[in-house]
Amino acid sequence: MATREMADFLRSRRDRIKPSSVGLPGGGRRRAPGLRRAEVAQLAGISPDYYMRLEQGRGIRPSPSVLDGLAQALVLNDDERDHLYRLALSLPSPPHAPAPLPPDGPVHANVRRLLDEIDPVPAYVINGRLDVLAWNRAAAVLFQDLAELPPSRRNMLRYVLADPRARAFYVEWEEVARHGLAQLRTATGRGPGDPATEALIGELSRSPWFGAWWDRQDVKGPGMGRKEYRHPVVGRISLDYIGMVLPGTPDHQFITLTAPEDGPSRAALDKLAAQPPPPKG
């Protein structure tokens, strides 16, 4: 069922597309950046009135073919396309899929064992709203400030946006914050109305940076990339991360952080491996 969330998402994607990038003339007076509603409708192969009602959140259930047309018209990436489908159709799990673990559910014992086995590679498990559910000794040493927090307050986004130490710790702090908010936005599509997620959003909304970035409607799923840190023990360290969805739940991600052999970041990781873990929060 088309919702206000879907309407806001469609509008945010429409506003970002230059007409010339999708083969349309860019001349004439435009009241807002991006495509007009009629242009999106034309590209998606639907009527302007139908698209207008979608952007108004007027209770329309678009078909998969309509969603495919919108995804193509709005040049959505895979994460954005999945998010659009979930907002529009509230996609259930496949009929024969095992029941997913709850987002706040326990981390499987096999996963906890794997965390310990791969130490000194820093690794941890998060849910969709970036609560840290489990981690190994190496991750606790790397994220010292986060490790000091009690488990109930141990959330990556809360730390990044609300703890002043995070701005010194992350070299590219703004990029990390915006990426985390995009992951949180994805979680709202998977579990709309979840009380814990809504409470976290309300808490984070007090950050002066939250509003503008949240209104961008960005979405991100698990992926890989590189993050740079300023660590109090080893100084600047650059690590490659990989996020993998754990079997049985779309909400638990297993994150690893590694560095190439024979480089300064690998030497820094080796030095951290010799450090005692911080006291548990």
C-alpha atoms as a PDB file:
ATOM      1  CA  MET A   1       0.000   0.000   0.000  1.00  0.00           C
ATOM      2  CA  ALA A   2       1.433   3.342  -0.997  1.00  0.00           C
ATOM      3  CA  THR A   3       2.342   5.285   2.135  1.00  0.00           C
ATOM      4  CA  ARG A   4       3.587   8.687   3.164  1.00  0.00           C
ATOM      5  CA  GLU A   5       7.050   7.154   3.555  1.00  0.00           C
ATOM      6  CA  MET A   6       6.930   5.939  -0.031  1.00  0.00           C
ATOM      7  CA  ALA A   7       5.684   9.323  -1.224  1.00  0.00           C
ATOM      8  CA  ASP A   8       8.574  11.105   0.498  1.00  0.00           C
ATOM      9  CA  PHE A   9      11.054   8.600  -0.943  1.00  0.00           C
ATOM     10  CA  LEU A  10       9.771   9.022  -4.510  1.00  0.00           C
ATOM     11  CA  ARG A  11       9.914  12.798  -4.223  1.00  0.00           C
ATOM     12  CA  SER A  12      13.467  12.728  -2.860  1.00  0.00           C
ATOM     13  CA  ARG A  13      14.664  10.574  -5.786  1.00  0.00           C
ATOM     14  CA  ARG A  14      12.813  12.712  -8.341  1.00  0.00           C
ATOM     15  CA  ASP A  15      14.418  15.895  -7.037  1.00  0.00           C
ATOM     16  CA  ARG A  16      17.925  14.518  -7.616  1.00  0.00           C
ATOM     17  CA  ILE A  17      17.690  13.675 -11.293  1.00  0.00           C
ATOM     18  CA  LYS A  18      18.732  16.177 -13.930  1.00  0.00           C
ATOM     19  CA  PRO A  19      16.425  15.989 -16.975  1.00  0.00           C
ATOM     20  CA  SER A  20      19.411  15.835 -19.315  1.00  0.00           C
ATOM     21  CA  SER A  21      20.702  12.700 -17.537  1.00  0.00           C
ATOM     22  CA  VAL A  22      17.592  10.734 -18.592  1.00  0.00           C
ATOM     23  CA  GLY A  23      17.296  12.129 -22.113  1.00  0.00           C
ATOM     24  CA  LEU A  24      14.840  14.955 -21.430  1.00  0.00           C
ATOM     25  CA  PRO A  25      15.281  18.644 -22.313  1.00  0.00           C
ATOM     26  CA  GLY A  26      16.348  20.705 -19.354  1.00  0.00           C
ATOM     27  CA  GLY A  27      15.133  24.113 -20.451  1.00  0.00           C
ATOM     28  CA  GLY A  28      12.169  26.092 -19.172  1.00  0.00           C
ATOM     29  CA  ARG A  29      11.332  27.411 -15.743  1.00  0.00           C
ATOM     30  CA  ARG A  30      11.345  24.802 -12.970  1.00  0.00           C
ATOM     31  CA  ARG A  31      10.027  25.506  -9.490  1.00  0.00           C
ATOM     32  CA  ALA A  32      12.175  22.745  -8.014  1.00  0.00           C
ATOM     33  CA  PRO A  33      15.326  20.869  -9.030  1.00  0.00           C
ATOM     34  CA  GLY A  34      15.035  17.529 -10.718  1.00  0.00           C
ATOM     35  CA  LEU A  35      12.248  16.010 -12.763  1.00  0.00           C
ATOM     36  CA  ARG A  36       8.637  17.087 -12.901  1.00  0.00           C
ATOM     37  CA  ARG A  37       5.988  14.563 -11.864  1.00  0.00           C
ATOM     38  CA  ALA A  38       4.741  14.310 -15.442  1.00  0.00           C
ATOM     39  CA  GLU A  39       8.256  13.509 -16.623  1.00  0.00           C
ATOM     40  CA  VAL A  40       8.619  10.661 -14.136  1.00  0.00           C
ATOM     41  CA  ALA A  41       5.222   9.337 -15.228  1.00  0.00           C
ATOM     42  CA  GLN A  42       6.281   9.505 -18.872  1.00  0.00           C
ATOM     43  CA  LEU A  43       9.535   7.638 -18.200  1.00  0.00           C
ATOM     44  CA  ALA A  44       7.780   5.022 -16.048  1.00  0.00           C
ATOM     45  CA  GLY A  45       4.964   4.451 -18.525  1.00  0.00           C
ATOM     46  CA  ILE A  46       2.120   5.475 -16.212  1.00  0.00           C
ATOM     47  CA  SER A  47      -0.342   8.356 -16.197  1.00  0.00           C
ATOM     48  CA  PRO A  48       0.604  11.644 -14.531  1.00  0.00           C
ATOM     49  CA  ASP A  49      -2.509  11.404 -12.338  1.00  0.00           C
ATOM     50  CA  TYR A  50      -1.532   7.926 -11.122  1.00  0.00           C
ATOM     51  CA  TYR A  51       1.983   9.080 -10.268  1.00  0.00           C
ATOM     52  CA  MET A  52       0.642  12.172  -8.502  1.00  0.00           C
ATOM     53  CA  ARG A  53      -1.507   9.950  -6.277  1.00  0.00           C
ATOM     54  CA  LEU A  54       1.544   7.817  -5.470  1.00  0.00           C
ATOM     55  CA  GLU A  55       3.479  10.897  -4.359  1.00  0.00           C
ATOM     56  CA  GLN A  56       0.512  11.950  -2.259  1.00  0.00           C
ATOM     57  CA  GLY A  57       0.438   8.592  -0.451  1.00  0.00           C
ATOM     58  CA  ARG A  58      -3.205   8.025  -1.309  1.00  0.00           C
ATOM     59  CA  GLY A  59      -3.464   4.317  -0.569  1.00  0.00           C
ATOM     60  CA  ILE A  60      -2.590   2.914  -4.000  1.00  0.00           C
ATOM     61  CA  ARG A  61      -0.986  -0.511  -4.261  1.00  0.00           C
ATOM     62  CA  PRO A  62       1.280  -0.296  -7.324  1.00  0.00           C
ATOM     63  CA  SER A  63       1.981  -3.483  -9.258  1.00  0.00           C
ATOM     64  CA  PRO A  64       5.511  -4.914  -9.590  1.00  0.00           C
ATOM     65  CA  SER A  65       5.604  -3.718 -13.214  1.00  0.00           C
ATOM     66  CA  VAL A  66       4.798  -0.161 -12.100  1.00  0.00           C
ATOM     67  CA  LEU A  67       7.513  -0.336  -9.445  1.00  0.00           C
ATOM     68  CA  ASP A  68       9.979  -1.627 -12.024  1.00  0.00           C
ATOM     69  CA  GLY A  69       9.091   1.317 -14.252  1.00  0.00           C
ATOM     70  CA  LEU A  70       9.561   3.774 -11.403  1.00  0.00           C
ATOM     71  CA  ALA A  71      12.884   2.215 -10.437  1.00  0.00           C
ATOM     72  CA  GLN A  72      14.108   2.606 -14.002  1.00  0.00           C
ATOM     73  CA  ALA A  73      12.741   6.133 -14.396  1.00  0.00           C
ATOM     74  CA  LEU A  74      14.299   7.288 -11.126  1.00  0.00           C
ATOM     75  CA  VAL A  75      17.598   5.457 -11.796  1.00  0.00           C
ATOM     76  CA  LEU A  76      17.452   3.606  -8.483  1.00  0.00           C
ATOM     77  CA  ASN A  77      20.321   1.427  -7.347  1.00  0.00           C
ATOM     78  CA  ASP A  78      19.707  -2.032  -5.880  1.00  0.00           C
ATOM     79  CA  ASP A  79      19.323  -0.809  -2.289  1.00  0.00           C
ATOM     80  CA  GLU A  80      16.913   1.944  -3.334  1.00  0.00           C
ATOM     81  CA  ARG A  81      14.878  -0.439  -5.482  1.00  0.00           C
ATOM     82  CA  ASP A  82      14.524  -2.940  -2.626  1.00  0.00           C
ATOM     83  CA  HIS A  83      13.482  -0.120  -0.306  1.00  0.00           C
ATOM     84  CA  LEU A  84      10.848   1.102  -2.776  1.00  0.00           C
ATOM     85  CA  TYR A  85       9.379  -2.408  -3.032  1.00  0.00           C
ATOM     86  CA  ARG A  86       9.206  -2.808   0.715  1.00  0.00           C
ATOM     87  CA  LEU A  87       7.544   0.552   1.228  1.00  0.00           C
ATOM     88  CA  ALA A  88       5.016  -0.123  -1.531  1.00  0.00           C
ATOM     89  CA  LEU A  89       4.196  -3.761  -0.997  1.00  0.00           C
ATOM     90  CA  SER A  90       5.305  -4.618   2.568  1.00  0.00           C
ATOM     91  CA  LEU A  91       7.005  -7.667   1.087  1.00  0.00           C
ATOM     92  CA  PRO A  92       6.655 -10.779   3.248  1.00  0.00           C
ATOM     93  CA  SER A  93       9.272 -13.465   3.633  1.00  0.00           C
ATOM     94  CA  PRO A  94       9.239 -16.220   0.978  1.00  0.00           C
ATOM     95  CA  PRO A  95       6.600 -18.910   1.742  1.00  0.00           C
ATOM     96  CA  HIS A  96       9.062 -21.638   2.746  1.00  0.00           C
ATOM     97  CA  ALA A  97      11.718 -19.444   4.332  1.00  0.00           C
ATOM     98  CA  PRO A  98      12.595 -20.146   7.980  1.00  0.00           C
ATOM     99  CA  ALA A  99      11.165 -17.718  10.489  1.00  0.00           C
ATOM    100  CA  PRO A 100      13.629 -14.826  10.782  1.00  0.00           C
ATOM    101  CA  LEU A 101      15.282 -14.067  14.075  1.00  0.00           C
ATOM    102  CA  PRO A 102      13.967 -10.915  15.761  1.00  0.00           C
ATOM    103  CA  PRO A 103      16.184  -7.835  15.342  1.00  0.00           C
ATOM    104  CA  ASP A 104      16.893  -7.784  19.075  1.00  0.00           C
ATOM    105  CA  GLY A 105      17.198 -11.566  19.318  1.00  0.00           C
ATOM    106  CA  PRO A 106      20.273 -13.384  20.588  1.00  0.00           C
ATOM    107  CA  VAL A 107      23.274 -13.910  18.381  1.00  0.00           C
ATOM    108  CA  HIS A 108      23.656 -17.610  17.564  1.00  0.00           C
ATOM    109  CA  ALA A 109      26.319 -19.456  19.547  1.00  0.00           C
ATOM    110  CA  ASN A 110      28.062 -20.478  16.296  1.00  0.00           C
ATOM    111  CA  VAL A 111      28.378 -16.820  15.333  1.00  0.00           C
ATOM    112  CA  ARG A 112      29.798 -15.905  18.728  1.00  0.00           C
ATOM    113  CA  ARG A 113      32.315 -18.732  18.346  1.00  0.00           C
ATOM    114  CA  LEU A 114      33.300 -17.413  14.920  1.00  0.00           C
ATOM    115  CA  LEU A 115      33.852 -13.945  16.396  1.00  0.00           C
ATOM    116  CA  ASP A 116      36.317 -15.418  18.884  1.00  0.00           C
ATOM    117  CA  GLU A 117      37.998 -17.699  16.327  1.00  0.00           C
ATOM    118  CA  ILE A 118      38.872 -14.914  13.866  1.00  0.00           C
ATOM    119  CA  ASP A 119      40.411 -12.667  16.542  1.00  0.00           C
ATOM    120  CA  PRO A 120      42.716 -10.649  16.133  1.00  0.00           C
ATOM    121  CA  VAL A 121      40.612  -9.561  13.137  1.00  0.00           C
ATOM    122  CA  PRO A 122      38.125  -7.030  14.560  1.00  0.00           C
ATOM    123  CA  ALA A 123      34.577  -8.282  13.980  1.00  0.00           C
ATOM    124  CA  TYR A 124      31.141  -7.551  15.357  1.00  0.00           C
ATOM    125  CA  VAL A 125      27.435  -8.146  14.766  1.00  0.00           C
ATOM    126  CA  ILE A 126      24.847  -5.379  14.384  1.00  0.00           C
ATOM    127  CA  ASN A 127      21.133  -5.294  13.671  1.00  0.00           C
ATOM    128  CA  GLY A 128      19.347  -3.034  11.213  1.00  0.00           C
ATOM    129  CA  ARG A 129      19.327  -0.007  13.494  1.00  0.00           C
ATOM    130  CA  LEU A 130      23.047  -0.518  14.226  1.00  0.00           C
ATOM    131  CA  ASP A 131      22.774  -1.845  17.776  1.00  0.00           C
ATOM    132  CA  VAL A 132      25.984  -3.774  18.493  1.00  0.00           C
ATOM    133  CA  LEU A 133      24.783  -7.243  19.499  1.00  0.00           C
ATOM    134  CA  ALA A 134      28.137  -9.007  19.842  1.00  0.00           C
ATOM    135  CA  TRP A 135      31.812  -8.420  19.143  1.00  0.00           C
ATOM    136  CA  ASN A 136      35.220  -9.925  19.700  1.00  0.00           C
ATOM    137  CA  ARG A 137      38.153  -8.738  21.776  1.00  0.00           C
ATOM    138  CA  ALA A 138      39.863  -7.061  18.791  1.00  0.00           C
ATOM    139  CA  ALA A 139      36.776  -4.989  18.006  1.00  0.00           C
ATOM    140  CA  ALA A 140      36.498  -3.912  21.648  1.00  0.00           C
ATOM    141  CA  VAL A 141      40.127  -2.726  21.540  1.00  0.00           C
ATOM    142  CA  LEU A 142      39.558  -0.857  18.282  1.00  0.00           C
ATOM    143  CA  PHE A 143      36.323   0.815  19.425  1.00  0.00           C
ATOM    144  CA  GLN A 144      37.455   1.634  22.956  1.00  0.00           C
ATOM    145  CA  ASP A 145      35.004   4.468  23.616  1.00  0.00           C
ATOM    146  CA  LEU A 146      32.080   2.403  22.375  1.00  0.00           C
ATOM    147  CA  ALA A 147      33.162  -0.563  24.493  1.00  0.00           C
ATOM    148  CA  GLU A 148      32.889   1.553  27.633  1.00  0.00           C
ATOM    149  CA  LEU A 149      29.140   1.962  27.125  1.00  0.00           C
ATOM    150  CA  PRO A 150      26.643  -0.479  28.652  1.00  0.00           C
ATOM    151  CA  PRO A 151      25.282  -2.963  26.081  1.00  0.00           C
ATOM    152  CA  SER A 152      21.840  -1.319  26.130  1.00  0.00           C
ATOM    153  CA  ARG A 153      23.406   1.954  24.919  1.00  0.00           C
ATOM    154  CA  ARG A 154      25.892   0.408  22.500  1.00  0.00           C
ATOM    155  CA  ASN A 155      24.641   1.658  19.130  1.00  0.00           C
ATOM    156  CA  MET A 156      26.915   2.788  16.313  1.00  0.00           C
ATOM    157  CA  LEU A 157      24.724   5.702  15.245  1.00  0.00           C
ATOM    158  CA  ARG A 158      24.150   6.933  18.776  1.00  0.00           C
ATOM    159  CA  TYR A 159      27.901   6.941  19.281  1.00  0.00           C
ATOM    160  CA  VAL A 160      28.633   8.701  15.968  1.00  0.00           C
ATOM    161  CA  LEU A 161      26.000  11.442  16.330  1.00  0.00           C
ATOM    162  CA  ALA A 162      25.810  11.939  20.096  1.00  0.00           C
ATOM    163  CA  ASP A 163      29.292  11.219  21.471  1.00  0.00           C
ATOM    164  CA  PRO A 164      31.793  14.053  20.819  1.00  0.00           C
ATOM    165  CA  ARG A 165      34.669  11.557  20.875  1.00  0.00           C
ATOM    166  CA  ALA A 166      33.402  10.030  17.631  1.00  0.00           C
ATOM    167  CA  ARG A 167      34.236  13.143  15.599  1.00  0.00           C
ATOM    168  CA  ALA A 168      37.889  12.747  16.520  1.00  0.00           C
ATOM    169  CA  PHE A 169      37.856   8.965  16.061  1.00  0.00           C
ATOM    170  CA  TYR A 170      36.435   8.817  12.524  1.00  0.00           C
ATOM    171  CA  VAL A 171      38.582  10.607   9.937  1.00  0.00           C
ATOM    172  CA  GLU A 172      35.595  10.947   7.580  1.00  0.00           C
ATOM    173  CA  TRP A 173      33.019  11.459  10.314  1.00  0.00           C
ATOM    174  CA  GLU A 174      30.299  12.998   8.137  1.00  0.00           C
ATOM    175  CA  GLU A 175      30.450  10.169   5.605  1.00  0.00           C
ATOM    176  CA  VAL A 176      30.214   7.584   8.402  1.00  0.00           C
ATOM    177  CA  ALA A 177      27.232   9.389   9.957  1.00  0.00           C
ATOM    178  CA  ARG A 178      25.360   9.708   6.674  1.00  0.00           C
ATOM    179  CA  HIS A 179      26.038   6.088   5.744  1.00  0.00           C
ATOM    180  CA  GLY A 180      24.734   4.957   9.135  1.00  0.00           C
ATOM    181  CA  LEU A 181      21.563   7.012   8.756  1.00  0.00           C
ATOM    182  CA  ALA A 182      21.021   5.457   5.323  1.00  0.00           C
ATOM    183  CA  GLN A 183      21.242   2.008   6.923  1.00  0.00           C
ATOM    184  CA  LEU A 184      18.764   3.088   9.591  1.00  0.00           C
ATOM    185  CA  ARG A 185      16.404   4.333   6.878  1.00  0.00           C
ATOM    186  CA  THR A 186      16.613   0.882   5.283  1.00  0.00           C
ATOM    187  CA  ALA A 187      15.659  -0.668   8.622  1.00  0.00           C
ATOM    188  CA  THR A 188      12.490   1.457   8.770  1.00  0.00           C
ATOM    189  CA  GLY A 189      11.409  -0.099   5.481  1.00  0.00           C
ATOM    190  CA  ARG A 190      12.022  -3.627   6.751  1.00  0.00           C
ATOM    191  CA  GLY A 191      10.198  -3.097  10.042  1.00  0.00           C
ATOM    192  CA  PRO A 192       7.909  -0.056   9.797  1.00  0.00           C
ATOM    193  CA  GLY A 193       6.671   1.242  13.111  1.00  0.00           C
ATOM    194  CA  ASP A 194       9.148  -0.751  15.237  1.00  0.00           C
ATOM    195  CA  PRO A 195       9.039   0.949  18.682  1.00  0.00           C
ATOM    196  CA  ALA A 196      12.769   0.607  19.381  1.00  0.00           C
ATOM    197  CA  THR A 197      13.691   2.002  15.965  1.00  0.00           C
ATOM    198  CA  GLU A 198      11.256   4.891  16.350  1.00  0.00           C
ATOM    199  CA  ALA A 199      12.689   5.631  19.810  1.00  0.00           C
ATOM    200  CA  LEU A 200      16.217   5.721  18.406  1.00  0.00           C
ATOM    201  CA  ILE A 201      15.152   8.056  15.595  1.00  0.00           C
ATOM    202  CA  GLY A 202      13.533  10.352  18.156  1.00  0.00           C
ATOM    203  CA  GLU A 203      16.714  10.378  20.210  1.00  0.00           C
ATOM    204  CA  LEU A 204      18.968  10.996  17.213  1.00  0.00           C
ATOM    205  CA  SER A 205      16.718  13.789  15.960  1.00  0.00           C
ATOM    206  CA  ARG A 206      18.144  15.993  18.728  1.00  0.00           C
ATOM    207  CA  SER A 207      21.457  16.039  16.868  1.00  0.00           C
ATOM    208  CA  PRO A 208      21.903  19.266  14.867  1.00  0.00           C
ATOM    209  CA  TRP A 209      23.060  17.234  11.860  1.00  0.00           C
ATOM    210  CA  PHE A 210      20.236  14.697  11.852  1.00  0.00           C
ATOM    211  CA  GLY A 211      17.407  16.578  10.133  1.00  0.00           C
ATOM    212  CA  ALA A 212      19.010  17.515   6.822  1.00  0.00           C
ATOM    213  CA  TRP A 213      20.676  14.132   6.357  1.00  0.00           C
ATOM    214  CA  TRP A 214      17.600  12.126   7.363  1.00  0.00           C
ATOM    215  CA  ASP A 215      15.412  14.115   4.991  1.00  0.00           C
ATOM    216  CA  ARG A 216      17.615  13.021   2.089  1.00  0.00           C
ATOM    217  CA  GLN A 217      15.887   9.602   2.251  1.00  0.00           C
ATOM    218  CA  ASP A 218      19.141   7.771   1.477  1.00  0.00           C
ATOM    219  CA  VAL A 219      19.146   3.988   1.906  1.00  0.00           C
ATOM    220  CA  LYS A 220      22.054   1.560   2.181  1.00  0.00           C
ATOM    221  CA  GLY A 221      22.319  -2.174   2.669  1.00  0.00           C
ATOM    222  CA  PRO A 222      25.305  -4.311   3.703  1.00  0.00           C
ATOM    223  CA  GLY A 223      28.368  -3.709   1.623  1.00  0.00           C
ATOM    224  CA  MET A 224      32.099  -3.200   1.669  1.00  0.00           C
ATOM    225  CA  GLY A 225      34.445  -0.259   1.705  1.00  0.00           C
ATOM    226  CA  ARG A 226      37.144   1.441   3.716  1.00  0.00           C
ATOM    227  CA  LYS A 227      37.090   3.486   6.908  1.00  0.00           C
ATOM    228  CA  GLU A 228      39.848   5.515   8.507  1.00  0.00           C
ATOM    229  CA  TYR A 229      40.230   6.001  12.234  1.00  0.00           C
ATOM    230  CA  ARG A 230      42.361   8.080  14.603  1.00  0.00           C
ATOM    231  CA  HIS A 231      43.094   5.631  17.376  1.00  0.00           C
ATOM    232  CA  PRO A 232      44.544   6.851  20.689  1.00  0.00           C
ATOM    233  CA  VAL A 233      47.050   3.971  20.803  1.00  0.00           C
ATOM    234  CA  VAL A 234      48.171   3.455  17.187  1.00  0.00           C
ATOM    235  CA  GLY A 235      47.241   6.743  15.521  1.00  0.00           C
ATOM    236  CA  ARG A 236      45.731   6.805  12.043  1.00  0.00           C
ATOM    237  CA  ILE A 237      44.635   3.422  10.737  1.00  0.00           C
ATOM    238  CA  SER A 238      42.812   2.528   7.514  1.00  0.00           C
ATOM    239  CA  LEU A 239      40.717  -0.665   7.494  1.00  0.00           C
ATOM    240  CA  ASP A 240      38.646  -2.432   4.855  1.00  0.00           C
ATOM    241  CA  TYR A 241      35.223  -3.554   6.028  1.00  0.00           C
ATOM    242  CA  ILE A 242      32.846  -6.201   4.714  1.00  0.00           C
ATOM    243  CA  GLY A 243      29.235  -6.486   5.930  1.00  0.00           C
ATOM    244  CA  MET A 244      27.495  -9.847   5.457  1.00  0.00           C
ATOM    245  CA  VAL A 245      23.879 -10.719   6.262  1.00  0.00           C
ATOM    246  CA  LEU A 246      23.728 -13.698   8.621  1.00  0.00           C
ATOM    247  CA  PRO A 247      21.531 -16.689   7.697  1.00  0.00           C
ATOM    248  CA  GLY A 248      18.058 -16.686   9.225  1.00  0.00           C
ATOM    249  CA  THR A 249      17.620 -12.948   9.539  1.00  0.00           C
ATOM    250  CA  PRO A 250      17.819  -9.952   7.195  1.00  0.00           C
ATOM    251  CA  ASP A 251      18.616  -7.736  10.186  1.00  0.00           C
ATOM    252  CA  HIS A 252      21.812  -9.228  11.623  1.00  0.00           C
ATOM    253  CA  GLN A 253      25.033  -8.246   9.863  1.00  0.00           C
ATOM    254  CA  PHE A 254      28.482  -9.707  10.484  1.00  0.00           C
ATOM    255  CA  ILE A 255      31.136  -7.007  10.017  1.00  0.00           C
ATOM    256  CA  THR A 256      34.859  -7.669   9.640  1.00  0.00           C
ATOM    257  CA  LEU A 257      37.711  -5.139   9.470  1.00  0.00           C
ATOM    258  CA  THR A 258      41.027  -6.047   7.855  1.00  0.00           C
ATOM    259  CA  ALA A 259      44.178  -4.422   6.470  1.00  0.00           C
ATOM    260  CA  PRO A 260      46.523  -5.478   3.638  1.00  0.00           C
ATOM    261  CA  GLU A 261      49.667  -7.408   4.556  1.00  0.00           C
ATOM    262  CA  ASP A 262      52.923  -5.516   5.082  1.00  0.00           C
ATOM    263  CA  GLY A 263      51.321  -2.084   5.404  1.00  0.00           C
ATOM    264  CA  PRO A 264      51.214   0.454   8.232  1.00  0.00           C
ATOM    265  CA  SER A 265      47.572  -0.315   9.019  1.00  0.00           C
ATOM    266  CA  ARG A 266      48.361  -4.031   9.362  1.00  0.00           C
ATOM    267  CA  ALA A 267      51.215  -3.160  11.720  1.00  0.00           C
ATOM    268  CA  ALA A 268      48.789  -0.992  13.703  1.00  0.00           C
ATOM    269  CA  LEU A 269      46.309  -3.876  13.918  1.00  0.00           C
ATOM    270  CA  ASP A 270      49.079  -6.166  15.158  1.00  0.00           C
ATOM    271  CA  LYS A 271      49.944  -3.600  17.818  1.00  0.00           C
ATOM    272  CA  LEU A 272      46.299  -3.394  18.882  1.00  0.00           C
ATOM    273  CA  ALA A 273      46.183  -7.183  19.117  1.00  0.00           C
ATOM    274  CA  ALA A 274      48.645  -6.954  21.994  1.00  0.00           C
ATOM    275  CA  GLN A 275      46.467  -4.497  23.914  1.00  0.00           C
ATOM    276  CA  PRO A 276      44.220  -5.678  26.755  1.00  0.00           C
ATOM    277  CA  PRO A 277      40.499  -5.210  26.097  1.00  0.00           C
ATOM    278  CA  PRO A 278      38.831  -2.218  27.805  1.00  0.00           C
ATOM    279  CA  PRO A 279      36.647  -2.864  30.840  1.00  0.00           C
ATOM    280  CA  LYS A 280      33.181  -4.088  29.949  1.00  0.00           C
ATOM    281  CA  GLY A 281      30.409  -1.490  30.162  1.00  0.00           C
END
